[in-house]
Protein backbone atom coordinates (compact mmCIF):
# COMPACT_ATOMS: atom_id res chain seq x y z
CA UNK A 1 0.00 0.00 0.00
CA UNK A 2 2.80 2.38 0.94
CA UNK A 3 4.56 1.56 -2.31
CA UNK A 4 1.45 2.36 -4.33
CA UNK A 5 1.08 5.67 -2.52
CA UNK A 6 4.71 6.54 -3.30
CA UNK A 7 4.20 5.82 -6.98
CA UNK A 8 1.09 7.98 -6.97
CA UNK A 9 2.97 10.93 -5.42
CA UNK A 10 5.80 10.55 -7.94
CA UNK A 11 3.31 10.42 -10.80
CA UNK A 12 1.68 13.62 -9.59
CA UNK A 13 5.00 15.43 -9.16
CA UNK A 14 6.51 14.50 -12.52
CA UNK A 15 4.43 16.98 -14.58
CA UNK A 16 5.41 19.75 -12.13
CA UNK A 17 9.10 18.89 -12.41
CA UNK A 18 8.91 18.77 -16.19
CA UNK A 19 7.20 22.15 -16.37
CA UNK A 20 9.97 23.68 -14.23
CA UNK A 21 12.67 22.74 -16.74
CA UNK A 22 13.72 25.66 -18.93
CA UNK A 23 15.04 24.56 -22.30
CA UNK A 24 17.97 26.69 -23.48
CA UNK A 25 17.67 26.46 -27.22
CA UNK A 26 20.64 26.58 -29.57
CA UNK A 27 20.44 29.76 -31.63
CA UNK A 28 23.64 29.39 -33.70
CA UNK A 29 26.20 26.69 -34.39
CA UNK A 30 29.61 28.03 -35.44
CA UNK A 31 31.84 25.11 -36.31
CA UNK A 32 32.08 22.99 -33.18
CA UNK A 33 30.91 25.87 -30.98
CA UNK A 34 27.30 26.65 -30.09
CA UNK A 35 25.57 29.85 -29.05
CA UNK A 36 22.37 29.57 -27.05
CA UNK A 37 19.47 31.97 -26.75
CA UNK A 38 20.38 32.64 -23.13
CA UNK A 39 23.95 33.60 -24.14
CA UNK A 40 22.57 36.19 -26.55
CA UNK A 41 20.28 37.60 -23.86
CA UNK A 42 23.16 37.66 -21.37
CA UNK A 43 25.43 39.43 -23.88
CA UNK A 44 22.80 42.15 -24.29
CA UNK A 45 22.45 42.60 -20.53
CA UNK A 46 26.22 42.67 -19.91
CA UNK A 47 26.78 45.27 -22.63
CA UNK A 48 23.93 47.42 -21.35
CA UNK A 49 25.18 47.21 -17.77
CA UNK A 50 28.75 48.19 -18.64
CA UNK A 51 27.51 51.05 -20.83
CA UNK A 52 25.01 52.23 -18.17
CA UNK A 53 22.11 51.77 -20.58
CA UNK A 54 18.79 50.00 -20.58
CA UNK A 55 18.96 46.57 -22.28
CA UNK A 56 17.83 46.68 -25.90
CA UNK A 57 15.95 43.48 -26.73
CA UNK A 58 15.06 44.44 -30.29
CA UNK A 59 15.82 42.07 -33.15
CA UNK A 60 18.62 44.37 -34.33
CA UNK A 61 20.24 44.25 -30.88
CA UNK A 62 19.92 40.46 -30.72
CA UNK A 63 21.55 40.17 -34.13
CA UNK A 64 24.42 42.42 -33.05
CA UNK A 65 24.91 40.39 -29.87
CA UNK A 66 24.82 37.16 -31.88
CA UNK A 67 27.52 38.44 -34.24
CA UNK A 68 29.69 39.47 -31.30
CA UNK A 69 29.34 36.00 -29.81
CA UNK A 70 30.28 34.35 -33.11
CA UNK A 71 33.47 36.42 -33.17
CA UNK A 72 34.11 35.49 -29.55
CA UNK A 73 33.72 31.78 -30.28
CA UNK A 74 36.07 31.99 -33.25
CA UNK A 75 38.71 33.74 -31.16
CA UNK A 76 38.30 31.27 -28.29
CA UNK A 77 38.77 28.39 -30.71
CA UNK A 78 41.96 29.95 -32.07
CA UNK A 79 43.24 30.62 -28.57
CA UNK A 80 42.63 26.97 -27.66
CA UNK A 81 44.40 25.69 -30.78
CA UNK A 82 47.32 28.11 -30.41
CA UNK A 83 47.46 27.66 -26.64
CA UNK A 84 47.37 31.37 -26.02
CA UNK A 85 47.65 32.32 -22.34
CA UNK A 86 44.43 32.96 -20.45
CA UNK A 87 43.98 35.22 -17.49
CA UNK A 88 44.90 33.51 -14.21
CA UNK A 89 42.20 33.16 -11.51
CA UNK A 90 43.81 35.75 -9.23
CA UNK A 91 43.99 38.25 -12.09
CA UNK A 92 40.32 37.62 -12.88
CA UNK A 93 39.43 38.60 -9.33
CA UNK A 94 41.70 41.64 -9.59
CA UNK A 95 39.81 42.79 -12.68
CA UNK A 96 36.53 42.66 -10.82
CA UNK A 97 38.06 44.53 -7.87
CA UNK A 98 39.39 47.18 -10.23
CA UNK A 99 35.97 47.56 -11.84
CA UNK A 100 34.33 47.75 -8.41
CA UNK A 101 36.72 50.48 -7.25
CA UNK A 102 36.46 52.50 -10.47
CA UNK A 103 32.70 52.32 -10.97
CA UNK A 104 31.27 51.80 -7.47
CA UNK A 105 33.93 53.20 -5.11
CA UNK A 106 34.54 49.75 -3.58
CA UNK A 107 30.88 49.44 -2.55
CA UNK A 108 30.27 45.76 -3.26
CA UNK A 109 26.66 45.84 -2.07
CA UNK A 110 25.78 48.61 -4.53
CA UNK A 111 27.45 46.71 -7.37
CA UNK A 112 25.55 43.53 -6.52
CA UNK A 113 22.29 45.46 -6.37
CA UNK A 114 22.98 47.18 -9.70
CA UNK A 115 23.81 43.85 -11.34
CA UNK A 116 20.60 42.33 -9.99
CA UNK A 117 18.52 44.94 -11.84
CA UNK A 118 20.02 43.50 -15.04
CA UNK A 119 19.53 39.91 -13.85
CA UNK A 120 23.30 39.51 -13.62
CA UNK A 121 25.70 38.25 -10.95
CA UNK A 122 29.19 39.35 -9.95
CA UNK A 123 30.51 36.05 -11.33
CA UNK A 124 29.01 36.77 -14.76
CA UNK A 125 30.56 40.25 -14.75
CA UNK A 126 33.93 38.85 -13.70
CA UNK A 127 33.80 36.24 -16.47
CA UNK A 128 33.00 38.91 -19.03
CA UNK A 129 35.83 41.17 -17.89
CA UNK A 130 38.17 38.19 -18.15
CA UNK A 131 36.96 37.47 -21.71
CA UNK A 132 37.72 41.06 -22.65
CA UNK A 133 41.21 40.73 -21.17
CA UNK A 134 41.79 37.47 -23.06
CA UNK A 135 40.71 39.16 -26.30
CA UNK A 136 43.25 41.93 -25.68
CA UNK A 137 45.95 39.30 -25.07
CA UNK A 138 45.08 37.62 -28.36
CA UNK A 139 45.11 40.96 -30.18
CA UNK A 140 48.47 41.94 -28.68
CA UNK A 141 50.19 38.63 -29.35
CA UNK A 142 48.69 37.80 -32.75
CA UNK A 143 48.36 41.13 -34.59
CA UNK A 144 50.17 44.00 -32.89
CA UNK A 145 53.72 42.66 -33.51
CA UNK A 146 53.13 42.79 -37.28
CA UNK A 147 51.90 46.40 -37.25
CA UNK A 148 54.37 48.99 -38.47
CA UNK A 149 53.90 52.72 -37.96
CA UNK A 150 56.44 54.90 -39.77
CA UNK A 151 57.55 58.45 -39.06
CA UNK A 152 55.68 59.46 -42.21
CA UNK A 153 52.48 57.92 -40.81
CA UNK A 154 52.88 59.87 -37.59
CA UNK A 155 53.64 63.12 -39.42
CA UNK A 156 50.62 62.68 -41.69
CA UNK A 157 48.27 61.99 -38.78
CA UNK A 158 49.61 65.00 -36.86
CA UNK A 159 49.20 67.31 -39.88
CA UNK A 160 45.69 66.10 -40.72
CA UNK A 161 44.21 65.75 -37.22
CA UNK A 162 46.11 67.78 -34.61
CA UNK A 163 47.48 70.82 -36.45
CA UNK A 164 48.85 72.60 -33.37
CA UNK A 165 51.45 71.89 -30.69
CA UNK A 166 54.69 69.97 -30.93
CA UNK A 167 54.91 66.76 -32.93
CA UNK A 168 57.42 65.22 -30.53
CA UNK A 169 55.03 65.71 -27.61
CA UNK A 170 52.26 63.92 -29.49
CA UNK A 171 54.39 61.25 -31.19
CA UNK A 172 53.91 58.45 -28.63
CA UNK A 173 50.14 58.95 -28.41
CA UNK A 174 49.78 59.03 -32.20
CA UNK A 175 51.87 55.88 -32.62
CA UNK A 176 49.76 54.10 -30.01
CA UNK A 177 46.52 55.16 -31.69
CA UNK A 178 47.63 54.13 -35.18
CA UNK A 179 48.96 50.80 -33.88
CA UNK A 180 45.66 50.07 -32.12
CA UNK A 181 43.62 50.97 -35.19
CA UNK A 182 45.71 48.80 -37.52
CA UNK A 183 45.72 45.85 -35.13
CA UNK A 184 41.92 46.12 -34.87
CA UNK A 185 41.71 46.16 -38.67
CA UNK A 186 43.89 43.05 -38.93
CA UNK A 187 41.69 41.31 -36.36
CA UNK A 188 38.58 42.22 -38.36
CA UNK A 189 40.12 40.87 -41.58
CA UNK A 190 41.10 37.67 -39.75
CA UNK A 191 37.57 37.23 -38.41
CA UNK A 192 36.10 37.68 -41.89
CA UNK A 193 38.42 34.99 -43.18
CA UNK A 194 37.54 32.67 -40.31
CA UNK A 195 33.85 33.11 -41.04
CA UNK A 196 34.41 32.14 -44.67
CA UNK A 197 36.03 28.88 -43.57
CA UNK A 198 33.66 28.07 -40.72
CA UNK A 199 30.23 26.56 -41.13
CA UNK A 200 27.87 28.93 -39.38
CA UNK A 201 24.33 27.64 -39.02
CA UNK A 202 21.61 29.93 -37.75
CA UNK A 203 19.10 27.68 -35.99
CA UNK A 204 17.15 30.81 -35.09
CA UNK A 205 16.76 32.03 -38.66
CA UNK A 206 15.72 35.58 -37.84
CA UNK A 207 19.19 36.20 -36.38
CA UNK A 208 20.88 35.65 -39.74
CA UNK A 209 22.32 38.82 -41.26
CA UNK A 210 24.45 39.66 -44.27
CA UNK A 211 28.00 38.53 -43.47
CA UNK A 212 30.60 41.25 -43.11
C-alpha atoms as a PDB file:
ATOM      1  CA  UNK A   1       0.000   0.000   0.000  1.00  0.00           C
ATOM      2  CA  UNK A   2       2.802   2.384   0.938  1.00  0.00           C
ATOM      3  CA  UNK A   3       4.562   1.556  -2.313  1.00  0.00           C
ATOM      4  CA  UNK A   4       1.452   2.361  -4.326  1.00  0.00           C
ATOM      5  CA  UNK A   5       1.076   5.672  -2.517  1.00  0.00           C
ATOM      6  CA  UNK A   6       4.706   6.542  -3.299  1.00  0.00           C
ATOM      7  CA  UNK A   7       4.203   5.815  -6.983  1.00  0.00           C
ATOM      8  CA  UNK A   8       1.091   7.977  -6.967  1.00  0.00           C
ATOM      9  CA  UNK A   9       2.971  10.927  -5.422  1.00  0.00           C
ATOM     10  CA  UNK A  10       5.796  10.549  -7.942  1.00  0.00           C
ATOM     11  CA  UNK A  11       3.315  10.416 -10.804  1.00  0.00           C
ATOM     12  CA  UNK A  12       1.679  13.618  -9.589  1.00  0.00           C
ATOM     13  CA  UNK A  13       4.999  15.427  -9.155  1.00  0.00           C
ATOM     14  CA  UNK A  14       6.512  14.498 -12.522  1.00  0.00           C
ATOM     15  CA  UNK A  15       4.431  16.979 -14.576  1.00  0.00           C
ATOM     16  CA  UNK A  16       5.406  19.751 -12.131  1.00  0.00           C
ATOM     17  CA  UNK A  17       9.097  18.892 -12.415  1.00  0.00           C
ATOM     18  CA  UNK A  18       8.909  18.767 -16.194  1.00  0.00           C
ATOM     19  CA  UNK A  19       7.197  22.154 -16.365  1.00  0.00           C
ATOM     20  CA  UNK A  20       9.967  23.684 -14.234  1.00  0.00           C
ATOM     21  CA  UNK A  21      12.669  22.737 -16.740  1.00  0.00           C
ATOM     22  CA  UNK A  22      13.722  25.661 -18.932  1.00  0.00           C
ATOM     23  CA  UNK A  23      15.038  24.564 -22.297  1.00  0.00           C
ATOM     24  CA  UNK A  24      17.968  26.692 -23.479  1.00  0.00           C
ATOM     25  CA  UNK A  25      17.671  26.457 -27.223  1.00  0.00           C
ATOM     26  CA  UNK A  26      20.643  26.577 -29.566  1.00  0.00           C
ATOM     27  CA  UNK A  27      20.440  29.759 -31.626  1.00  0.00           C
ATOM     28  CA  UNK A  28      23.636  29.393 -33.697  1.00  0.00           C
ATOM     29  CA  UNK A  29      26.197  26.693 -34.395  1.00  0.00           C
ATOM     30  CA  UNK A  30      29.610  28.030 -35.440  1.00  0.00           C
ATOM     31  CA  UNK A  31      31.842  25.105 -36.312  1.00  0.00           C
ATOM     32  CA  UNK A  32      32.083  22.994 -33.179  1.00  0.00           C
ATOM     33  CA  UNK A  33      30.908  25.872 -30.979  1.00  0.00           C
ATOM     34  CA  UNK A  34      27.301  26.647 -30.087  1.00  0.00           C
ATOM     35  CA  UNK A  35      25.568  29.847 -29.046  1.00  0.00           C
ATOM     36  CA  UNK A  36      22.370  29.575 -27.054  1.00  0.00           C
ATOM     37  CA  UNK A  37      19.469  31.972 -26.753  1.00  0.00           C
ATOM     38  CA  UNK A  38      20.381  32.642 -23.126  1.00  0.00           C
ATOM     39  CA  UNK A  39      23.948  33.598 -24.140  1.00  0.00           C
ATOM     40  CA  UNK A  40      22.574  36.189 -26.547  1.00  0.00           C
ATOM     41  CA  UNK A  41      20.280  37.603 -23.858  1.00  0.00           C
ATOM     42  CA  UNK A  42      23.159  37.660 -21.374  1.00  0.00           C
ATOM     43  CA  UNK A  43      25.429  39.434 -23.879  1.00  0.00           C
ATOM     44  CA  UNK A  44      22.805  42.154 -24.288  1.00  0.00           C
ATOM     45  CA  UNK A  45      22.446  42.603 -20.527  1.00  0.00           C
ATOM     46  CA  UNK A  46      26.216  42.672 -19.910  1.00  0.00           C
ATOM     47  CA  UNK A  47      26.781  45.268 -22.632  1.00  0.00           C
ATOM     48  CA  UNK A  48      23.927  47.419 -21.351  1.00  0.00           C
ATOM     49  CA  UNK A  49      25.177  47.207 -17.775  1.00  0.00           C
ATOM     50  CA  UNK A  50      28.748  48.191 -18.637  1.00  0.00           C
ATOM     51  CA  UNK A  51      27.507  51.051 -20.833  1.00  0.00           C
ATOM     52  CA  UNK A  52      25.012  52.232 -18.174  1.00  0.00           C
ATOM     53  CA  UNK A  53      22.115  51.773 -20.581  1.00  0.00           C
ATOM     54  CA  UNK A  54      18.795  49.995 -20.584  1.00  0.00           C
ATOM     55  CA  UNK A  55      18.963  46.567 -22.281  1.00  0.00           C
ATOM     56  CA  UNK A  56      17.834  46.683 -25.901  1.00  0.00           C
ATOM     57  CA  UNK A  57      15.951  43.484 -26.733  1.00  0.00           C
ATOM     58  CA  UNK A  58      15.063  44.439 -30.294  1.00  0.00           C
ATOM     59  CA  UNK A  59      15.823  42.066 -33.148  1.00  0.00           C
ATOM     60  CA  UNK A  60      18.620  44.368 -34.329  1.00  0.00           C
ATOM     61  CA  UNK A  61      20.244  44.249 -30.884  1.00  0.00           C
ATOM     62  CA  UNK A  62      19.916  40.460 -30.716  1.00  0.00           C
ATOM     63  CA  UNK A  63      21.546  40.168 -34.131  1.00  0.00           C
ATOM     64  CA  UNK A  64      24.416  42.417 -33.047  1.00  0.00           C
ATOM     65  CA  UNK A  65      24.907  40.392 -29.871  1.00  0.00           C
ATOM     66  CA  UNK A  66      24.824  37.159 -31.879  1.00  0.00           C
ATOM     67  CA  UNK A  67      27.525  38.437 -34.243  1.00  0.00           C
ATOM     68  CA  UNK A  68      29.690  39.475 -31.296  1.00  0.00           C
ATOM     69  CA  UNK A  69      29.340  36.002 -29.812  1.00  0.00           C
ATOM     70  CA  UNK A  70      30.279  34.351 -33.111  1.00  0.00           C
ATOM     71  CA  UNK A  71      33.468  36.424 -33.171  1.00  0.00           C
ATOM     72  CA  UNK A  72      34.107  35.493 -29.547  1.00  0.00           C
ATOM     73  CA  UNK A  73      33.723  31.778 -30.276  1.00  0.00           C
ATOM     74  CA  UNK A  74      36.074  31.985 -33.253  1.00  0.00           C
ATOM     75  CA  UNK A  75      38.709  33.740 -31.157  1.00  0.00           C
ATOM     76  CA  UNK A  76      38.298  31.271 -28.286  1.00  0.00           C
ATOM     77  CA  UNK A  77      38.775  28.386 -30.713  1.00  0.00           C
ATOM     78  CA  UNK A  78      41.956  29.950 -32.068  1.00  0.00           C
ATOM     79  CA  UNK A  79      43.241  30.617 -28.569  1.00  0.00           C
ATOM     80  CA  UNK A  80      42.626  26.973 -27.664  1.00  0.00           C
ATOM     81  CA  UNK A  81      44.400  25.691 -30.783  1.00  0.00           C
ATOM     82  CA  UNK A  82      47.316  28.113 -30.414  1.00  0.00           C
ATOM     83  CA  UNK A  83      47.456  27.655 -26.641  1.00  0.00           C
ATOM     84  CA  UNK A  84      47.371  31.370 -26.025  1.00  0.00           C
ATOM     85  CA  UNK A  85      47.652  32.320 -22.344  1.00  0.00           C
ATOM     86  CA  UNK A  86      44.425  32.957 -20.449  1.00  0.00           C
ATOM     87  CA  UNK A  87      43.980  35.221 -17.486  1.00  0.00           C
ATOM     88  CA  UNK A  88      44.895  33.512 -14.207  1.00  0.00           C
ATOM     89  CA  UNK A  89      42.201  33.164 -11.508  1.00  0.00           C
ATOM     90  CA  UNK A  90      43.808  35.749  -9.226  1.00  0.00           C
ATOM     91  CA  UNK A  91      43.990  38.247 -12.088  1.00  0.00           C
ATOM     92  CA  UNK A  92      40.320  37.622 -12.882  1.00  0.00           C
ATOM     93  CA  UNK A  93      39.430  38.600  -9.329  1.00  0.00           C
ATOM     94  CA  UNK A  94      41.698  41.643  -9.586  1.00  0.00           C
ATOM     95  CA  UNK A  95      39.808  42.792 -12.684  1.00  0.00           C
ATOM     96  CA  UNK A  96      36.526  42.656 -10.816  1.00  0.00           C
ATOM     97  CA  UNK A  97      38.063  44.525  -7.873  1.00  0.00           C
ATOM     98  CA  UNK A  98      39.392  47.180 -10.233  1.00  0.00           C
ATOM     99  CA  UNK A  99      35.966  47.565 -11.840  1.00  0.00           C
ATOM    100  CA  UNK A 100      34.327  47.751  -8.411  1.00  0.00           C
ATOM    101  CA  UNK A 101      36.720  50.478  -7.255  1.00  0.00           C
ATOM    102  CA  UNK A 102      36.462  52.499 -10.472  1.00  0.00           C
ATOM    103  CA  UNK A 103      32.704  52.320 -10.968  1.00  0.00           C
ATOM    104  CA  UNK A 104      31.271  51.801  -7.475  1.00  0.00           C
ATOM    105  CA  UNK A 105      33.927  53.201  -5.106  1.00  0.00           C
ATOM    106  CA  UNK A 106      34.539  49.751  -3.580  1.00  0.00           C
ATOM    107  CA  UNK A 107      30.879  49.444  -2.551  1.00  0.00           C
ATOM    108  CA  UNK A 108      30.268  45.756  -3.264  1.00  0.00           C
ATOM    109  CA  UNK A 109      26.661  45.843  -2.071  1.00  0.00           C
ATOM    110  CA  UNK A 110      25.782  48.608  -4.535  1.00  0.00           C
ATOM    111  CA  UNK A 111      27.451  46.711  -7.370  1.00  0.00           C
ATOM    112  CA  UNK A 112      25.555  43.532  -6.521  1.00  0.00           C
ATOM    113  CA  UNK A 113      22.292  45.463  -6.372  1.00  0.00           C
ATOM    114  CA  UNK A 114      22.983  47.179  -9.699  1.00  0.00           C
ATOM    115  CA  UNK A 115      23.809  43.855 -11.341  1.00  0.00           C
ATOM    116  CA  UNK A 116      20.597  42.333  -9.991  1.00  0.00           C
ATOM    117  CA  UNK A 117      18.521  44.938 -11.838  1.00  0.00           C
ATOM    118  CA  UNK A 118      20.020  43.502 -15.040  1.00  0.00           C
ATOM    119  CA  UNK A 119      19.529  39.906 -13.854  1.00  0.00           C
ATOM    120  CA  UNK A 120      23.304  39.510 -13.618  1.00  0.00           C
ATOM    121  CA  UNK A 121      25.701  38.254 -10.955  1.00  0.00           C
ATOM    122  CA  UNK A 122      29.194  39.350  -9.954  1.00  0.00           C
ATOM    123  CA  UNK A 123      30.505  36.046 -11.328  1.00  0.00           C
ATOM    124  CA  UNK A 124      29.008  36.773 -14.755  1.00  0.00           C
ATOM    125  CA  UNK A 125      30.558  40.252 -14.752  1.00  0.00           C
ATOM    126  CA  UNK A 126      33.933  38.847 -13.696  1.00  0.00           C
ATOM    127  CA  UNK A 127      33.802  36.235 -16.470  1.00  0.00           C
ATOM    128  CA  UNK A 128      33.004  38.905 -19.032  1.00  0.00           C
ATOM    129  CA  UNK A 129      35.828  41.173 -17.888  1.00  0.00           C
ATOM    130  CA  UNK A 130      38.172  38.189 -18.151  1.00  0.00           C
ATOM    131  CA  UNK A 131      36.960  37.475 -21.708  1.00  0.00           C
ATOM    132  CA  UNK A 132      37.724  41.057 -22.653  1.00  0.00           C
ATOM    133  CA  UNK A 133      41.212  40.730 -21.166  1.00  0.00           C
ATOM    134  CA  UNK A 134      41.790  37.473 -23.062  1.00  0.00           C
ATOM    135  CA  UNK A 135      40.713  39.159 -26.303  1.00  0.00           C
ATOM    136  CA  UNK A 136      43.246  41.929 -25.677  1.00  0.00           C
ATOM    137  CA  UNK A 137      45.947  39.302 -25.069  1.00  0.00           C
ATOM    138  CA  UNK A 138      45.077  37.622 -28.365  1.00  0.00           C
ATOM    139  CA  UNK A 139      45.113  40.960 -30.179  1.00  0.00           C
ATOM    140  CA  UNK A 140      48.470  41.943 -28.680  1.00  0.00           C
ATOM    141  CA  UNK A 141      50.186  38.631 -29.353  1.00  0.00           C
ATOM    142  CA  UNK A 142      48.694  37.805 -32.752  1.00  0.00           C
ATOM    143  CA  UNK A 143      48.365  41.127 -34.585  1.00  0.00           C
ATOM    144  CA  UNK A 144      50.173  44.002 -32.887  1.00  0.00           C
ATOM    145  CA  UNK A 145      53.719  42.660 -33.513  1.00  0.00           C
ATOM    146  CA  UNK A 146      53.125  42.794 -37.279  1.00  0.00           C
ATOM    147  CA  UNK A 147      51.901  46.402 -37.253  1.00  0.00           C
ATOM    148  CA  UNK A 148      54.372  48.990 -38.474  1.00  0.00           C
ATOM    149  CA  UNK A 149      53.904  52.723 -37.960  1.00  0.00           C
ATOM    150  CA  UNK A 150      56.438  54.901 -39.769  1.00  0.00           C
ATOM    151  CA  UNK A 151      57.554  58.449 -39.060  1.00  0.00           C
ATOM    152  CA  UNK A 152      55.683  59.460 -42.210  1.00  0.00           C
ATOM    153  CA  UNK A 153      52.484  57.923 -40.814  1.00  0.00           C
ATOM    154  CA  UNK A 154      52.881  59.873 -37.588  1.00  0.00           C
ATOM    155  CA  UNK A 155      53.642  63.118 -39.421  1.00  0.00           C
ATOM    156  CA  UNK A 156      50.619  62.677 -41.693  1.00  0.00           C
ATOM    157  CA  UNK A 157      48.274  61.995 -38.783  1.00  0.00           C
ATOM    158  CA  UNK A 158      49.607  65.004 -36.865  1.00  0.00           C
ATOM    159  CA  UNK A 159      49.203  67.309 -39.877  1.00  0.00           C
ATOM    160  CA  UNK A 160      45.689  66.102 -40.716  1.00  0.00           C
ATOM    161  CA  UNK A 161      44.213  65.751 -37.217  1.00  0.00           C
ATOM    162  CA  UNK A 162      46.105  67.780 -34.609  1.00  0.00           C
ATOM    163  CA  UNK A 163      47.478  70.825 -36.447  1.00  0.00           C
ATOM    164  CA  UNK A 164      48.853  72.603 -33.367  1.00  0.00           C
ATOM    165  CA  UNK A 165      51.450  71.893 -30.692  1.00  0.00           C
ATOM    166  CA  UNK A 166      54.693  69.972 -30.926  1.00  0.00           C
ATOM    167  CA  UNK A 167      54.907  66.760 -32.929  1.00  0.00           C
ATOM    168  CA  UNK A 168      57.419  65.215 -30.532  1.00  0.00           C
ATOM    169  CA  UNK A 169      55.028  65.706 -27.614  1.00  0.00           C
ATOM    170  CA  UNK A 170      52.262  63.916 -29.495  1.00  0.00           C
ATOM    171  CA  UNK A 171      54.394  61.250 -31.186  1.00  0.00           C
ATOM    172  CA  UNK A 172      53.909  58.452 -28.626  1.00  0.00           C
ATOM    173  CA  UNK A 173      50.139  58.948 -28.406  1.00  0.00           C
ATOM    174  CA  UNK A 174      49.785  59.028 -32.198  1.00  0.00           C
ATOM    175  CA  UNK A 175      51.874  55.881 -32.620  1.00  0.00           C
ATOM    176  CA  UNK A 176      49.756  54.098 -30.009  1.00  0.00           C
ATOM    177  CA  UNK A 177      46.521  55.162 -31.685  1.00  0.00           C
ATOM    178  CA  UNK A 178      47.629  54.131 -35.178  1.00  0.00           C
ATOM    179  CA  UNK A 179      48.955  50.798 -33.882  1.00  0.00           C
ATOM    180  CA  UNK A 180      45.659  50.065 -32.124  1.00  0.00           C
ATOM    181  CA  UNK A 181      43.621  50.968 -35.193  1.00  0.00           C
ATOM    182  CA  UNK A 182      45.710  48.804 -37.519  1.00  0.00           C
ATOM    183  CA  UNK A 183      45.716  45.852 -35.125  1.00  0.00           C
ATOM    184  CA  UNK A 184      41.920  46.117 -34.872  1.00  0.00           C
ATOM    185  CA  UNK A 185      41.708  46.159 -38.670  1.00  0.00           C
ATOM    186  CA  UNK A 186      43.889  43.051 -38.932  1.00  0.00           C
ATOM    187  CA  UNK A 187      41.688  41.305 -36.363  1.00  0.00           C
ATOM    188  CA  UNK A 188      38.582  42.222 -38.357  1.00  0.00           C
ATOM    189  CA  UNK A 189      40.119  40.870 -41.575  1.00  0.00           C
ATOM    190  CA  UNK A 190      41.099  37.672 -39.754  1.00  0.00           C
ATOM    191  CA  UNK A 191      37.572  37.226 -38.410  1.00  0.00           C
ATOM    192  CA  UNK A 192      36.104  37.681 -41.886  1.00  0.00           C
ATOM    193  CA  UNK A 193      38.418  34.988 -43.184  1.00  0.00           C
ATOM    194  CA  UNK A 194      37.539  32.669 -40.311  1.00  0.00           C
ATOM    195  CA  UNK A 195      33.849  33.106 -41.044  1.00  0.00           C
ATOM    196  CA  UNK A 196      34.414  32.136 -44.670  1.00  0.00           C
ATOM    197  CA  UNK A 197      36.035  28.882 -43.572  1.00  0.00           C
ATOM    198  CA  UNK A 198      33.664  28.069 -40.722  1.00  0.00           C
ATOM    199  CA  UNK A 199      30.234  26.559 -41.131  1.00  0.00           C
ATOM    200  CA  UNK A 200      27.867  28.932 -39.376  1.00  0.00           C
ATOM    201  CA  UNK A 201      24.334  27.641 -39.024  1.00  0.00           C
ATOM    202  CA  UNK A 202      21.606  29.933 -37.748  1.00  0.00           C
ATOM    203  CA  UNK A 203      19.104  27.682 -35.988  1.00  0.00           C
ATOM    204  CA  UNK A 204      17.151  30.807 -35.090  1.00  0.00           C
ATOM    205  CA  UNK A 205      16.764  32.030 -38.657  1.00  0.00           C
ATOM    206  CA  UNK A 206      15.720  35.581 -37.835  1.00  0.00           C
ATOM    207  CA  UNK A 207      19.194  36.203 -36.381  1.00  0.00           C
ATOM    208  CA  UNK A 208      20.881  35.648 -39.737  1.00  0.00           C
ATOM    209  CA  UNK A 209      22.319  38.817 -41.262  1.00  0.00           C
ATOM    210  CA  UNK A 210      24.448  39.657 -44.273  1.00  0.00           C
ATOM    211  CA  UNK A 211      27.999  38.530 -43.467  1.00  0.00           C
ATOM    212  CA  UNK A 212      30.595  41.250 -43.113  1.00  0.00           C
END
